Structure formats: C-alpha cells, structure tokens
Amino acid sequence: MSMTKLTLLVLGSIAAATTHAARADADLVSKVFHDGAYLPRVYDETDILRRYGEGESSVDDVGLIRRRYWDPSTALEVVISSNPDIAATVRTVDEIRVSAIATGPQSVKETESLKGLNLKGVVIGDPEAKGKAAAEDYGQTHSSREKLGRLDVESVCGYADSGSSICFYSRGKRIVAMAVGFGP
C-alpha cells in the first residue's frame, strides 16, 4: 500500500471517528434512553452545557441546579440536575429526567427529538405497573409521592449496587415521566 493511500485511509478513519463522536454528542439525552437498556454512565455537566446550553436554570429546594429544556417534536420536558457544591470544571450530572408534565413555563432551550425513547422497555404512557416492574428488576426499590410542577405523582425508583438509579413517575396509573440517576 502506498504512503498516499495509507495517509488517506488514516485521515478517513479519523474523520469518521470525529463525525461519530460529534453525532454521539448531538443526541446526549436521547442516547441515555433510546436503547432502552440503560447502561449507567456519569455525564460531565460541561458536555451537557456544550450540547444544550445553560437551559432554564434554577436552584431547587434541596440546593441542586436544575436545567430545563424541551423537545418541541414530542412536547417532553427534560430536567438535568447537578450539585453546585462541586467545582464547575469537574461537576457531573446527578439526574436526567424526561417528563410529559412541565415543571414550569415552556423552556426556550431545546433538545434533540426524543421520539421513541424508552427506559428498560418502559415508555411514557405505559401502565404504572410496567414501570414498577422495571424498577424492581433494576435493584432495591423506594416509592414515594412527589410533585412534578403543580401535580402530585407517584414515583418508584430502583437503585443498583453501583449507585445508579432509574425512576418512573405515574399519575392516573400511567407513566408520565422517567429518570436516570448517578451516584448516591
């Protein structure tokens, strides 16, 4: 093989890898949910900010930074939470939640299309029992009543020994939101 062909082959491989990496970066939220299997991974907050921007940012009652975004194609809200006590340069994401219930006015910051997303085979709109079964399969469970926006919901979360979690939120016996968490 000539040096020119080898150089072109190497450059082509680098370009393909770069394009793949950019594409993976472009669908960060949907990638977490779309495969349905959910493989726990810690996401750097800087990756989220680079991809989606600051979002509609606020600090909640327990002191977490919550950044809100939305997908106009599905009308789903995305809330990404992180801990402000960690230096911004090394801060990771604590939770990514996708919801059919808005927790505030519609955000002007958008995500990629979230059509077809699922978590462990559960989609928004599925029966509450399906989310509960998925959480139980994932690990030790905890159920509680919470508020999403102004609405009361039931939540069930499964906690793996690794420190990751999956949660399903239901209202009227249907899944209205789901989340993945990282860390204790």
N, C-alpha and C. Protein backbone atom coordinates (compact mmCIF):
# COMPACT_ATOMS: atom_id res chain seq x y z
N MET A 1 0.85 -1.17 0.00
CA MET A 1 0.00 0.00 0.00
C MET A 1 0.90 1.23 0.00
N SER A 2 0.57 2.18 -0.87
CA SER A 2 1.39 3.38 -0.97
C SER A 2 1.16 4.29 0.24
N MET A 3 2.11 5.17 0.48
CA MET A 3 2.02 6.09 1.60
C MET A 3 0.82 7.02 1.43
N THR A 4 0.50 7.42 0.22
CA THR A 4 -0.63 8.30 -0.03
C THR A 4 -1.94 7.61 0.34
N LYS A 5 -2.08 6.34 -0.08
CA LYS A 5 -3.30 5.59 0.24
C LYS A 5 -3.42 5.38 1.75
N LEU A 6 -2.29 5.08 2.39
CA LEU A 6 -2.29 4.88 3.84
C LEU A 6 -2.69 6.18 4.55
N THR A 7 -2.14 7.29 4.11
CA THR A 7 -2.47 8.59 4.70
C THR A 7 -3.95 8.89 4.53
N LEU A 8 -4.48 8.65 3.32
CA LEU A 8 -5.91 8.89 3.08
C LEU A 8 -6.78 7.98 3.93
N LEU A 9 -6.36 6.73 4.09
CA LEU A 9 -7.11 5.79 4.91
C LEU A 9 -7.14 6.26 6.36
N VAL A 10 -6.00 6.68 6.87
CA VAL A 10 -5.92 7.16 8.25
C VAL A 10 -6.76 8.42 8.42
N LEU A 11 -6.67 9.36 7.49
CA LEU A 11 -7.46 10.59 7.58
C LEU A 11 -8.95 10.30 7.50
N GLY A 12 -9.32 9.36 6.64
CA GLY A 12 -10.73 8.97 6.54
C GLY A 12 -11.23 8.36 7.84
N SER A 13 -10.41 7.52 8.46
CA SER A 13 -10.79 6.90 9.74
C SER A 13 -10.94 7.95 10.83
N ILE A 14 -10.04 8.91 10.86
CA ILE A 14 -10.13 9.99 11.85
C ILE A 14 -11.39 10.81 11.62
N ALA A 15 -11.68 11.13 10.37
CA ALA A 15 -12.89 11.90 10.06
C ALA A 15 -14.14 11.14 10.46
N ALA A 16 -14.17 9.84 10.19
CA ALA A 16 -15.33 9.03 10.55
C ALA A 16 -15.50 8.98 12.07
N ALA A 17 -14.41 8.80 12.78
CA ALA A 17 -14.47 8.75 14.24
C ALA A 17 -14.93 10.09 14.81
N THR A 18 -14.43 11.19 14.24
CA THR A 18 -14.82 12.52 14.69
C THR A 18 -16.30 12.75 14.43
N THR A 19 -16.77 12.35 13.25
CA THR A 19 -18.18 12.50 12.92
C THR A 19 -19.03 11.67 13.87
N HIS A 20 -18.62 10.44 14.15
CA HIS A 20 -19.37 9.59 15.07
C HIS A 20 -19.40 10.22 16.46
N ALA A 21 -18.26 10.75 16.93
CA ALA A 21 -18.21 11.37 18.25
C ALA A 21 -19.11 12.60 18.29
N ALA A 22 -19.11 13.40 17.24
CA ALA A 22 -19.96 14.58 17.21
C ALA A 22 -21.43 14.17 17.23
N ARG A 23 -21.77 13.11 16.48
CA ARG A 23 -23.14 12.64 16.43
C ARG A 23 -23.56 12.12 17.80
N ALA A 24 -22.68 11.41 18.48
CA ALA A 24 -22.99 10.90 19.82
C ALA A 24 -23.22 12.06 20.77
N ASP A 25 -22.44 13.12 20.61
CA ASP A 25 -22.59 14.30 21.44
C ASP A 25 -23.90 15.01 21.13
N ALA A 26 -24.35 14.91 19.86
CA ALA A 26 -25.53 15.64 19.42
C ALA A 26 -26.82 15.06 19.97
N ASP A 27 -26.81 13.82 20.42
CA ASP A 27 -28.05 13.23 20.92
C ASP A 27 -27.88 12.70 22.33
N LEU A 28 -27.29 13.50 23.18
CA LEU A 28 -26.92 13.08 24.52
C LEU A 28 -28.09 12.56 25.35
N VAL A 29 -29.18 13.30 25.45
CA VAL A 29 -30.31 12.87 26.28
C VAL A 29 -30.98 11.65 25.67
N SER A 30 -31.27 11.70 24.39
CA SER A 30 -31.97 10.57 23.78
C SER A 30 -31.12 9.31 23.81
N LYS A 31 -29.80 9.45 23.75
CA LYS A 31 -28.92 8.28 23.79
C LYS A 31 -29.04 7.55 25.13
N VAL A 32 -29.25 8.30 26.21
CA VAL A 32 -29.40 7.68 27.53
C VAL A 32 -30.63 6.77 27.55
N PHE A 33 -31.71 7.18 26.87
CA PHE A 33 -32.97 6.45 26.94
C PHE A 33 -33.26 5.58 25.73
N HIS A 34 -32.80 5.95 24.55
CA HIS A 34 -33.25 5.28 23.33
C HIS A 34 -32.94 3.80 23.26
N ASP A 35 -31.80 3.36 23.79
CA ASP A 35 -31.52 1.93 23.68
C ASP A 35 -32.39 1.12 24.62
N GLY A 36 -33.01 1.78 25.57
CA GLY A 36 -33.92 1.10 26.48
C GLY A 36 -33.21 0.30 27.56
N ALA A 37 -32.00 -0.14 27.28
CA ALA A 37 -31.28 -0.98 28.24
C ALA A 37 -30.72 -0.15 29.39
N TYR A 38 -30.36 1.09 29.14
CA TYR A 38 -29.73 1.99 30.08
C TYR A 38 -28.51 1.38 30.74
N LEU A 39 -27.39 1.77 30.22
CA LEU A 39 -26.11 1.39 30.80
C LEU A 39 -25.61 2.58 31.59
N PRO A 40 -25.50 2.45 32.91
CA PRO A 40 -25.13 3.60 33.75
C PRO A 40 -23.82 4.23 33.30
N ARG A 41 -23.82 5.53 33.25
CA ARG A 41 -22.65 6.29 32.86
C ARG A 41 -22.73 7.65 33.53
N VAL A 42 -21.61 8.17 33.94
CA VAL A 42 -21.57 9.50 34.54
C VAL A 42 -21.32 10.50 33.41
N TYR A 43 -22.16 11.53 33.36
CA TYR A 43 -22.02 12.57 32.34
C TYR A 43 -21.46 13.83 32.97
N ASP A 44 -20.49 14.44 32.30
CA ASP A 44 -19.94 15.71 32.76
C ASP A 44 -20.93 16.82 32.43
N GLU A 45 -21.13 17.71 33.40
CA GLU A 45 -22.03 18.83 33.16
C GLU A 45 -21.55 19.68 32.00
N THR A 46 -20.24 19.79 31.82
CA THR A 46 -19.71 20.60 30.70
C THR A 46 -20.17 20.05 29.35
N ASP A 47 -20.32 18.71 29.22
CA ASP A 47 -20.83 18.12 27.98
C ASP A 47 -22.27 18.55 27.73
N ILE A 48 -23.07 18.56 28.79
CA ILE A 48 -24.47 18.99 28.69
C ILE A 48 -24.53 20.46 28.27
N LEU A 49 -23.73 21.29 28.91
CA LEU A 49 -23.74 22.71 28.60
C LEU A 49 -23.24 22.98 27.19
N ARG A 50 -22.25 22.24 26.76
CA ARG A 50 -21.73 22.40 25.41
C ARG A 50 -22.80 22.03 24.38
N ARG A 51 -23.54 20.97 24.66
CA ARG A 51 -24.55 20.49 23.71
C ARG A 51 -25.83 21.32 23.74
N TYR A 52 -26.36 21.61 24.94
CA TYR A 52 -27.68 22.22 25.05
C TYR A 52 -27.68 23.67 25.53
N GLY A 53 -26.55 24.15 26.04
CA GLY A 53 -26.52 25.50 26.61
C GLY A 53 -26.97 25.45 28.07
N GLU A 54 -27.12 26.62 28.66
CA GLU A 54 -27.46 26.74 30.08
C GLU A 54 -28.86 26.24 30.41
N GLY A 55 -29.76 26.28 29.46
CA GLY A 55 -31.14 25.90 29.75
C GLY A 55 -31.80 26.93 30.64
N GLU A 56 -33.01 26.63 31.07
CA GLU A 56 -33.71 27.46 32.04
C GLU A 56 -33.20 26.98 33.40
N SER A 57 -32.26 27.72 33.97
CA SER A 57 -31.55 27.26 35.15
C SER A 57 -32.13 27.84 36.44
N SER A 58 -32.26 26.98 37.46
CA SER A 58 -32.70 27.43 38.78
C SER A 58 -32.08 26.51 39.83
N VAL A 59 -32.18 26.92 41.08
CA VAL A 59 -31.73 26.08 42.19
C VAL A 59 -32.98 25.66 42.95
N ASP A 60 -33.15 24.35 43.16
CA ASP A 60 -34.36 23.85 43.81
C ASP A 60 -34.28 23.93 45.33
N ASP A 61 -35.29 23.40 46.00
CA ASP A 61 -35.40 23.47 47.46
C ASP A 61 -34.27 22.75 48.18
N VAL A 62 -33.68 21.72 47.57
CA VAL A 62 -32.60 20.99 48.23
C VAL A 62 -31.22 21.48 47.77
N GLY A 63 -31.19 22.53 46.97
CA GLY A 63 -29.93 23.14 46.58
C GLY A 63 -29.30 22.63 45.30
N LEU A 64 -30.03 21.81 44.52
CA LEU A 64 -29.49 21.30 43.25
C LEU A 64 -29.77 22.28 42.12
N ILE A 65 -28.82 22.35 41.20
CA ILE A 65 -29.04 23.13 39.98
C ILE A 65 -29.94 22.30 39.07
N ARG A 66 -31.01 22.87 38.61
CA ARG A 66 -31.91 22.20 37.67
C ARG A 66 -31.95 23.01 36.39
N ARG A 67 -31.60 22.35 35.30
CA ARG A 67 -31.62 22.98 33.98
C ARG A 67 -32.75 22.35 33.18
N ARG A 68 -33.66 23.18 32.70
CA ARG A 68 -34.82 22.68 31.96
C ARG A 68 -34.66 22.95 30.46
N TYR A 69 -35.06 21.95 29.69
CA TYR A 69 -35.06 22.03 28.23
C TYR A 69 -36.36 21.37 27.76
N TRP A 70 -36.65 21.46 26.49
CA TRP A 70 -37.82 20.75 25.98
C TRP A 70 -37.61 20.33 24.55
N ASP A 71 -38.36 19.30 24.17
CA ASP A 71 -38.34 18.79 22.80
C ASP A 71 -39.65 19.20 22.15
N PRO A 72 -39.62 20.12 21.19
CA PRO A 72 -40.86 20.56 20.56
C PRO A 72 -41.57 19.48 19.75
N SER A 73 -40.85 18.45 19.31
CA SER A 73 -41.49 17.41 18.49
C SER A 73 -42.35 16.46 19.32
N THR A 74 -42.05 16.34 20.62
CA THR A 74 -42.83 15.44 21.49
C THR A 74 -43.49 16.18 22.65
N ALA A 75 -43.13 17.45 22.84
CA ALA A 75 -43.60 18.26 23.96
C ALA A 75 -43.14 17.68 25.30
N LEU A 76 -42.02 16.97 25.30
CA LEU A 76 -41.46 16.43 26.55
C LEU A 76 -40.47 17.43 27.14
N GLU A 77 -40.52 17.56 28.45
CA GLU A 77 -39.57 18.41 29.16
C GLU A 77 -38.40 17.56 29.63
N VAL A 78 -37.21 18.12 29.57
CA VAL A 78 -36.01 17.45 30.10
C VAL A 78 -35.48 18.31 31.23
N VAL A 79 -35.25 17.68 32.39
CA VAL A 79 -34.66 18.38 33.53
C VAL A 79 -33.36 17.66 33.87
N ILE A 80 -32.28 18.41 33.87
CA ILE A 80 -30.96 17.86 34.19
C ILE A 80 -30.48 18.51 35.47
N SER A 81 -30.20 17.69 36.48
CA SER A 81 -29.83 18.18 37.80
C SER A 81 -28.36 17.90 38.10
N SER A 82 -27.74 18.86 38.80
CA SER A 82 -26.36 18.68 39.24
C SER A 82 -26.16 19.40 40.57
N ASN A 83 -25.08 19.07 41.24
CA ASN A 83 -24.79 19.59 42.57
C ASN A 83 -23.87 20.80 42.48
N PRO A 84 -24.32 21.98 42.92
CA PRO A 84 -23.49 23.19 42.83
C PRO A 84 -22.31 23.20 43.80
N ASP A 85 -22.28 22.27 44.76
CA ASP A 85 -21.17 22.23 45.72
C ASP A 85 -19.89 21.68 45.11
N ILE A 86 -20.00 21.13 43.91
CA ILE A 86 -18.84 20.60 43.21
C ILE A 86 -18.35 21.68 42.24
N ALA A 87 -17.04 21.82 42.13
CA ALA A 87 -16.47 22.82 41.21
C ALA A 87 -16.99 22.60 39.80
N ALA A 88 -17.35 23.67 39.11
CA ALA A 88 -17.95 23.59 37.78
C ALA A 88 -17.10 22.80 36.79
N THR A 89 -15.80 22.85 36.92
CA THR A 89 -14.92 22.16 35.97
C THR A 89 -14.97 20.65 36.10
N VAL A 90 -15.40 20.13 37.24
CA VAL A 90 -15.45 18.67 37.45
C VAL A 90 -16.86 18.20 37.83
N ARG A 91 -17.86 19.08 37.71
CA ARG A 91 -19.23 18.75 38.11
C ARG A 91 -19.84 17.73 37.16
N THR A 92 -20.51 16.75 37.73
CA THR A 92 -21.19 15.74 36.92
C THR A 92 -22.71 15.90 37.08
N VAL A 93 -23.44 15.22 36.22
CA VAL A 93 -24.89 15.25 36.25
C VAL A 93 -25.38 14.23 37.27
N ASP A 94 -26.30 14.65 38.15
CA ASP A 94 -26.87 13.74 39.15
C ASP A 94 -28.08 13.00 38.59
N GLU A 95 -28.87 13.67 37.76
CA GLU A 95 -30.09 13.05 37.25
C GLU A 95 -30.49 13.67 35.92
N ILE A 96 -31.05 12.84 35.05
CA ILE A 96 -31.68 13.31 33.82
C ILE A 96 -33.11 12.77 33.84
N ARG A 97 -34.08 13.68 33.83
CA ARG A 97 -35.49 13.28 33.86
C ARG A 97 -36.18 13.79 32.59
N VAL A 98 -36.98 12.92 32.00
CA VAL A 98 -37.79 13.28 30.85
C VAL A 98 -39.24 13.15 31.28
N SER A 99 -40.06 14.18 30.98
CA SER A 99 -41.40 14.22 31.53
C SER A 99 -42.42 14.79 30.56
N ALA A 100 -43.63 14.24 30.63
CA ALA A 100 -44.75 14.79 29.88
C ALA A 100 -45.40 15.93 30.66
N ILE A 101 -44.98 16.12 31.92
CA ILE A 101 -45.51 17.19 32.77
C ILE A 101 -44.43 18.26 32.91
N ALA A 102 -44.76 19.48 32.52
CA ALA A 102 -43.82 20.59 32.64
C ALA A 102 -43.75 21.05 34.09
N THR A 103 -42.55 21.36 34.55
CA THR A 103 -42.38 21.85 35.91
C THR A 103 -42.36 23.37 35.98
N GLY A 104 -42.54 24.01 34.86
CA GLY A 104 -42.57 25.47 34.79
C GLY A 104 -42.98 25.88 33.39
N PRO A 105 -42.88 27.18 33.09
CA PRO A 105 -43.20 27.63 31.74
C PRO A 105 -42.31 26.92 30.72
N GLN A 106 -42.84 26.73 29.54
CA GLN A 106 -42.08 26.03 28.49
C GLN A 106 -40.72 26.69 28.29
N SER A 107 -39.68 25.88 28.33
CA SER A 107 -38.33 26.38 28.14
C SER A 107 -38.10 26.72 26.67
N VAL A 108 -37.31 27.76 26.44
CA VAL A 108 -36.96 28.10 25.06
C VAL A 108 -35.76 27.30 24.58
N LYS A 109 -35.07 26.65 25.50
CA LYS A 109 -33.91 25.83 25.15
C LYS A 109 -34.38 24.46 24.73
N GLU A 110 -33.91 23.98 23.59
CA GLU A 110 -34.42 22.73 23.03
C GLU A 110 -33.38 21.61 23.07
N THR A 111 -33.90 20.37 23.07
CA THR A 111 -33.07 19.18 22.92
C THR A 111 -33.33 18.61 21.53
N GLU A 112 -32.66 17.52 21.24
CA GLU A 112 -32.95 16.77 20.02
C GLU A 112 -34.31 16.11 20.15
N SER A 113 -34.80 15.52 19.10
CA SER A 113 -36.07 14.80 19.14
C SER A 113 -35.97 13.61 20.09
N LEU A 114 -36.95 13.46 20.94
CA LEU A 114 -36.98 12.36 21.90
C LEU A 114 -38.02 11.31 21.52
N LYS A 115 -38.42 11.30 20.26
CA LYS A 115 -39.40 10.30 19.79
C LYS A 115 -38.84 8.90 20.00
N GLY A 116 -39.68 8.02 20.50
CA GLY A 116 -39.31 6.61 20.65
C GLY A 116 -38.44 6.29 21.84
N LEU A 117 -38.23 7.23 22.75
CA LEU A 117 -37.35 6.89 23.87
C LEU A 117 -38.04 5.96 24.84
N ASN A 118 -37.23 5.13 25.48
CA ASN A 118 -37.74 4.22 26.50
C ASN A 118 -36.63 3.93 27.50
N LEU A 119 -37.05 3.46 28.64
CA LEU A 119 -36.11 3.13 29.71
C LEU A 119 -36.46 1.74 30.21
N LYS A 120 -35.57 0.79 29.97
CA LYS A 120 -35.80 -0.60 30.35
C LYS A 120 -37.12 -1.12 29.78
N GLY A 121 -37.43 -0.70 28.55
CA GLY A 121 -38.63 -1.16 27.88
C GLY A 121 -39.90 -0.40 28.23
N VAL A 122 -39.80 0.62 29.06
CA VAL A 122 -40.96 1.40 29.51
C VAL A 122 -40.96 2.73 28.75
N VAL A 123 -42.13 3.12 28.25
CA VAL A 123 -42.28 4.41 27.59
C VAL A 123 -43.30 5.25 28.34
N ILE A 124 -43.21 6.55 28.17
CA ILE A 124 -44.19 7.44 28.79
C ILE A 124 -45.56 7.10 28.20
N GLY A 125 -46.53 6.91 29.09
CA GLY A 125 -47.87 6.49 28.70
C GLY A 125 -48.16 5.04 29.04
N ASP A 126 -47.11 4.27 29.33
CA ASP A 126 -47.30 2.87 29.72
C ASP A 126 -48.00 2.78 31.08
N PRO A 127 -48.57 1.61 31.40
CA PRO A 127 -49.17 1.41 32.73
C PRO A 127 -48.13 1.54 33.84
N GLU A 128 -48.58 2.07 34.96
CA GLU A 128 -47.73 2.25 36.14
C GLU A 128 -47.04 0.94 36.53
N ALA A 129 -47.74 -0.18 36.42
CA ALA A 129 -47.20 -1.49 36.82
C ALA A 129 -45.95 -1.86 36.01
N LYS A 130 -45.88 -1.44 34.77
CA LYS A 130 -44.72 -1.75 33.93
C LYS A 130 -43.48 -1.01 34.45
N GLY A 131 -43.65 0.23 34.87
CA GLY A 131 -42.53 0.98 35.44
C GLY A 131 -42.09 0.40 36.77
N LYS A 132 -43.05 -0.02 37.58
CA LYS A 132 -42.72 -0.62 38.87
C LYS A 132 -41.93 -1.91 38.68
N ALA A 133 -42.34 -2.72 37.72
CA ALA A 133 -41.63 -3.98 37.45
C ALA A 133 -40.20 -3.72 36.98
N ALA A 134 -40.02 -2.72 36.13
CA ALA A 134 -38.68 -2.39 35.63
C ALA A 134 -37.79 -1.89 36.77
N ALA A 135 -38.35 -1.07 37.67
CA ALA A 135 -37.58 -0.58 38.83
C ALA A 135 -37.19 -1.73 39.74
N GLU A 136 -38.11 -2.67 39.96
CA GLU A 136 -37.81 -3.84 40.81
C GLU A 136 -36.73 -4.71 40.19
N ASP A 137 -36.76 -4.86 38.87
CA ASP A 137 -35.72 -5.64 38.19
C ASP A 137 -34.36 -4.95 38.29
N TYR A 138 -34.35 -3.63 38.40
CA TYR A 138 -33.10 -2.87 38.40
C TYR A 138 -32.37 -2.97 39.73
N GLY A 139 -33.11 -2.99 40.83
CA GLY A 139 -32.46 -3.05 42.14
C GLY A 139 -33.44 -2.79 43.26
N GLN A 140 -32.89 -2.47 44.42
CA GLN A 140 -33.72 -2.17 45.59
C GLN A 140 -34.62 -0.99 45.26
N THR A 141 -35.90 -1.06 45.64
CA THR A 141 -36.84 0.00 45.26
C THR A 141 -37.25 0.87 46.43
N HIS A 142 -37.70 2.06 46.06
CA HIS A 142 -38.27 3.01 47.01
C HIS A 142 -39.40 3.73 46.28
N SER A 143 -40.55 3.83 46.93
CA SER A 143 -41.71 4.53 46.36
C SER A 143 -42.04 5.74 47.21
N SER A 144 -42.56 6.78 46.56
CA SER A 144 -42.97 7.98 47.30
C SER A 144 -43.93 8.81 46.46
N ARG A 145 -44.54 9.78 47.11
CA ARG A 145 -45.37 10.78 46.40
C ARG A 145 -44.50 12.01 46.23
N GLU A 146 -44.57 12.59 45.05
CA GLU A 146 -43.79 13.79 44.75
C GLU A 146 -44.63 14.75 43.94
N LYS A 147 -44.07 15.90 43.68
CA LYS A 147 -44.72 16.87 42.80
C LYS A 147 -43.87 17.06 41.56
N LEU A 148 -44.51 17.04 40.43
CA LEU A 148 -43.90 17.47 39.17
C LEU A 148 -44.67 18.71 38.77
N GLY A 149 -43.99 19.84 38.80
CA GLY A 149 -44.72 21.09 38.60
C GLY A 149 -45.70 21.24 39.74
N ARG A 150 -46.97 21.40 39.41
CA ARG A 150 -48.01 21.54 40.44
C ARG A 150 -48.81 20.26 40.65
N LEU A 151 -48.43 19.19 39.97
CA LEU A 151 -49.19 17.96 40.02
C LEU A 151 -48.55 16.91 40.93
N ASP A 152 -49.39 16.21 41.69
CA ASP A 152 -48.92 15.10 42.51
C ASP A 152 -48.72 13.87 41.64
N VAL A 153 -47.62 13.18 41.86
CA VAL A 153 -47.33 11.95 41.13
C VAL A 153 -46.81 10.90 42.12
N GLU A 154 -46.90 9.66 41.72
CA GLU A 154 -46.30 8.56 42.46
C GLU A 154 -44.97 8.25 41.81
N SER A 155 -43.95 8.01 42.59
CA SER A 155 -42.67 7.63 42.00
C SER A 155 -42.22 6.29 42.56
N VAL A 156 -41.56 5.53 41.71
CA VAL A 156 -40.91 4.30 42.15
C VAL A 156 -39.53 4.29 41.50
N CYS A 157 -38.52 4.09 42.33
CA CYS A 157 -37.14 4.10 41.84
C CYS A 157 -36.47 2.77 42.17
N GLY A 158 -35.62 2.33 41.27
CA GLY A 158 -34.80 1.16 41.50
C GLY A 158 -33.36 1.60 41.65
N TYR A 159 -32.68 1.12 42.68
CA TYR A 159 -31.30 1.51 42.97
C TYR A 159 -30.37 0.31 42.82
N ALA A 160 -29.40 0.43 41.94
CA ALA A 160 -28.41 -0.64 41.74
C ALA A 160 -27.29 -0.48 42.76
N ASP A 161 -26.57 -1.56 43.01
CA ASP A 161 -25.44 -1.52 43.94
C ASP A 161 -24.35 -0.57 43.46
N SER A 162 -24.30 -0.30 42.17
CA SER A 162 -23.29 0.59 41.60
C SER A 162 -23.52 2.05 41.95
N GLY A 163 -24.70 2.38 42.49
CA GLY A 163 -25.01 3.76 42.82
C GLY A 163 -25.89 4.44 41.78
N SER A 164 -26.20 3.76 40.69
CA SER A 164 -27.08 4.36 39.69
C SER A 164 -28.53 4.02 40.02
N SER A 165 -29.44 4.77 39.42
CA SER A 165 -30.86 4.53 39.68
C SER A 165 -31.69 4.81 38.43
N ILE A 166 -32.87 4.20 38.41
CA ILE A 166 -33.88 4.53 37.41
C ILE A 166 -35.17 4.80 38.17
N CYS A 167 -35.93 5.78 37.72
CA CYS A 167 -37.18 6.14 38.39
C CYS A 167 -38.28 6.31 37.37
N PHE A 168 -39.49 5.95 37.78
CA PHE A 168 -40.68 6.13 36.96
C PHE A 168 -41.70 6.89 37.78
N TYR A 169 -42.34 7.87 37.16
CA TYR A 169 -43.33 8.71 37.82
C TYR A 169 -44.66 8.46 37.14
N SER A 170 -45.71 8.27 37.94
CA SER A 170 -47.01 7.97 37.34
C SER A 170 -48.09 8.88 37.92
N ARG A 171 -49.10 9.05 37.12
CA ARG A 171 -50.30 9.81 37.50
C ARG A 171 -51.46 9.15 36.78
N GLY A 172 -52.52 8.85 37.53
CA GLY A 172 -53.66 8.19 36.92
C GLY A 172 -53.30 6.82 36.36
N LYS A 173 -52.38 6.13 37.06
CA LYS A 173 -51.96 4.75 36.70
C LYS A 173 -51.18 4.67 35.38
N ARG A 174 -50.69 5.82 34.87
CA ARG A 174 -49.89 5.85 33.65
C ARG A 174 -48.55 6.54 33.92
N ILE A 175 -47.49 6.07 33.27
CA ILE A 175 -46.17 6.68 33.39
C ILE A 175 -46.20 8.04 32.72
N VAL A 176 -45.81 9.08 33.46
CA VAL A 176 -45.77 10.44 32.92
C VAL A 176 -44.35 10.99 32.84
N ALA A 177 -43.40 10.31 33.50
CA ALA A 177 -42.01 10.76 33.47
C ALA A 177 -41.11 9.61 33.87
N MET A 178 -39.84 9.71 33.48
CA MET A 178 -38.85 8.72 33.89
C MET A 178 -37.50 9.41 34.01
N ALA A 179 -36.65 8.84 34.84
CA ALA A 179 -35.36 9.47 35.11
C ALA A 179 -34.29 8.43 35.34
N VAL A 180 -33.05 8.84 35.07
CA VAL A 180 -31.88 8.06 35.41
C VAL A 180 -31.03 8.90 36.33
N GLY A 181 -30.42 8.25 37.32
CA GLY A 181 -29.61 8.97 38.29
C GLY A 181 -28.24 8.34 38.42
N PHE A 182 -27.31 9.14 38.91
CA PHE A 182 -25.92 8.71 39.03
C PHE A 182 -25.42 9.11 40.41
N GLY A 183 -24.82 8.18 41.10
CA GLY A 183 -24.26 8.49 42.41
C GLY A 183 -25.22 8.17 43.53
N PRO A 184 -24.78 8.41 44.76
CA PRO A 184 -25.58 8.02 45.93
C PRO A 184 -26.88 8.78 46.05
